[in-house]
Amino acid sequence: MPNITVTVNGKNYTVGCEDGEEDHVRDLAAYVNKHVNDLAGGVGQVGDARLLLMAGLVVADELSEILGRVDELEAELSNVRAGRGSAINASSTTEATAAAALQKAASRIKEMAGRLSAV
């Protein structure tokens, strides 16, 4: 498990990660650092712990909104799938009705052709 160094609020932190995840962890740290810097610009340097807590809360709020949107999209997808199922059933019913009508018409045409050939 490699250790990498990330910088948040001007301070270096060593963190462990899985092999191949180093760049991803660096990107995550940069994302947190951006929030910390934005907050520090607004409220000043109120201490690392408080800035990290506030940045964590901002990120958690973003995640909460995204998860809520995912739930909405999953519900919408479920409704679309249900509607699709209904449409397929309606299509099958219509197809069966049309096939029965064509079969009946074919029988009548055959019957009429038999009568005409007898004349």
Protein backbone atom coordinates (compact mmCIF):
# COMPACT_ATOMS: atom_id res chain seq x y z
CA MET A 1 0.00 0.00 0.00
CA PRO A 2 1.73 3.18 -1.15
CA ASN A 3 1.84 6.34 0.92
CA ILE A 4 1.43 9.66 -0.85
CA THR A 5 1.66 13.23 0.32
CA VAL A 6 -1.23 15.61 -0.27
CA THR A 7 -1.48 19.28 0.59
CA VAL A 8 -4.55 20.81 2.19
CA ASN A 9 -4.60 24.39 3.46
CA GLY A 10 -0.86 24.69 2.91
CA LYS A 11 -0.04 21.66 5.08
CA ASN A 12 1.26 18.32 3.90
CA TYR A 13 -0.45 15.11 4.95
CA THR A 14 0.75 11.58 4.27
CA VAL A 15 -2.04 9.16 3.42
CA GLY A 16 -2.12 5.55 2.32
CA CYS A 17 -4.02 4.29 -0.70
CA GLU A 18 -4.32 1.24 -2.90
CA ASP A 19 -1.86 0.66 -5.72
CA GLY A 20 -2.92 2.63 -8.78
CA GLU A 21 -5.17 4.97 -6.75
CA GLU A 22 -2.51 7.61 -6.11
CA ASP A 23 -3.71 10.09 -8.74
CA HIS A 24 -7.33 9.64 -7.68
CA VAL A 25 -6.48 10.36 -4.03
CA ARG A 26 -4.48 13.40 -5.08
CA ASP A 27 -7.48 14.64 -7.08
CA LEU A 28 -9.77 14.11 -4.07
CA ALA A 29 -7.35 16.01 -1.83
CA ALA A 30 -7.22 18.85 -4.37
CA TYR A 31 -11.03 18.94 -4.35
CA VAL A 32 -11.10 19.18 -0.55
CA ASN A 33 -8.31 21.76 -0.63
CA LYS A 34 -10.31 23.91 -3.02
CA HIS A 35 -13.25 23.91 -0.60
CA VAL A 36 -10.95 24.66 2.33
CA ASN A 37 -9.38 27.56 0.44
CA ASP A 38 -12.81 28.90 -0.56
CA LEU A 39 -14.00 28.70 3.05
CA ALA A 40 -10.78 30.27 4.39
CA GLY A 41 -11.30 33.13 1.96
CA GLY A 42 -14.78 33.69 3.36
CA VAL A 43 -14.35 33.06 7.09
CA GLY A 44 -10.60 33.43 7.48
CA GLN A 45 -8.17 30.98 9.00
CA VAL A 46 -10.25 29.57 11.85
CA GLY A 47 -8.02 26.54 12.39
CA ASP A 48 -7.32 23.45 10.34
CA ALA A 49 -9.78 21.25 12.19
CA ARG A 50 -12.66 23.68 11.77
CA LEU A 51 -11.85 24.39 8.10
CA LEU A 52 -11.61 20.67 7.36
CA LEU A 53 -14.89 20.06 9.18
CA MET A 54 -16.60 22.83 7.24
CA ALA A 55 -15.16 21.56 3.93
CA GLY A 56 -16.30 18.04 4.84
CA LEU A 57 -19.79 19.35 5.49
CA VAL A 58 -19.84 21.17 2.15
CA VAL A 59 -18.72 18.02 0.34
CA ALA A 60 -21.27 15.93 2.30
CA ASP A 61 -23.99 18.41 1.28
CA GLU A 62 -22.96 18.08 -2.38
CA LEU A 63 -23.04 14.30 -2.03
CA SER A 64 -26.46 14.43 -0.37
CA GLU A 65 -27.87 16.49 -3.24
CA ILE A 66 -26.35 14.14 -5.80
CA LEU A 67 -27.70 11.05 -4.01
CA GLY A 68 -31.14 12.67 -3.90
CA ARG A 69 -30.95 13.29 -7.63
CA VAL A 70 -29.87 9.68 -8.19
CA ASP A 71 -32.95 8.53 -6.25
CA GLU A 72 -35.16 10.76 -8.41
CA LEU A 73 -33.58 9.41 -11.60
CA GLU A 74 -33.95 5.80 -10.43
CA ALA A 75 -37.65 6.41 -9.71
CA GLU A 76 -38.05 8.03 -13.14
CA LEU A 77 -36.28 5.10 -14.78
CA SER A 78 -38.55 2.68 -12.92
CA ASN A 79 -41.60 4.57 -14.22
CA VAL A 80 -40.22 4.52 -17.76
CA ARG A 81 -39.60 0.78 -17.50
CA ALA A 82 -43.13 0.22 -16.18
CA GLY A 83 -44.54 2.33 -19.03
CA ARG A 84 -42.45 0.39 -21.49
CA GLY A 85 -43.88 -2.86 -20.13
CA SER A 86 -47.40 -1.51 -20.53
CA ALA A 87 -46.63 -0.38 -24.07
CA ILE A 88 -45.25 -3.81 -24.94
CA ASN A 89 -48.37 -5.47 -23.53
CA ALA A 90 -50.62 -3.07 -25.45
CA SER A 91 -48.61 -3.71 -28.61
CA SER A 92 -48.91 -7.47 -28.14
CA THR A 93 -52.67 -7.15 -27.65
CA THR A 94 -53.00 -4.97 -30.75
CA GLU A 95 -50.86 -7.38 -32.74
CA ALA A 96 -53.00 -10.33 -31.63
CA THR A 97 -56.19 -8.45 -32.53
CA ALA A 98 -54.79 -7.53 -35.95
CA ALA A 99 -53.65 -11.11 -36.57
CA ALA A 100 -57.10 -12.43 -35.66
CA ALA A 101 -58.75 -9.89 -38.00
CA LEU A 102 -56.39 -10.85 -40.84
CA GLN A 103 -57.05 -14.53 -40.22
CA LYS A 104 -60.81 -13.91 -40.32
CA ALA A 105 -60.45 -11.86 -43.52
CA ALA A 106 -58.30 -14.58 -45.11
CA SER A 107 -60.92 -17.19 -44.24
CA ARG A 108 -63.69 -15.05 -45.75
CA ILE A 109 -61.65 -14.44 -48.92
CA LYS A 110 -60.96 -18.18 -49.22
CA GLU A 111 -64.66 -18.92 -48.72
CA MET A 112 -65.62 -16.33 -51.36
CA ALA A 113 -63.03 -17.69 -53.79
CA GLY A 114 -64.50 -21.16 -53.33
CA ARG A 115 -67.97 -19.86 -54.11
CA LEU A 116 -66.73 -18.03 -57.20
CA SER A 117 -64.96 -21.08 -58.56
CA ALA A 118 -68.14 -23.17 -58.10
CA VAL A 119 -70.13 -20.74 -60.24
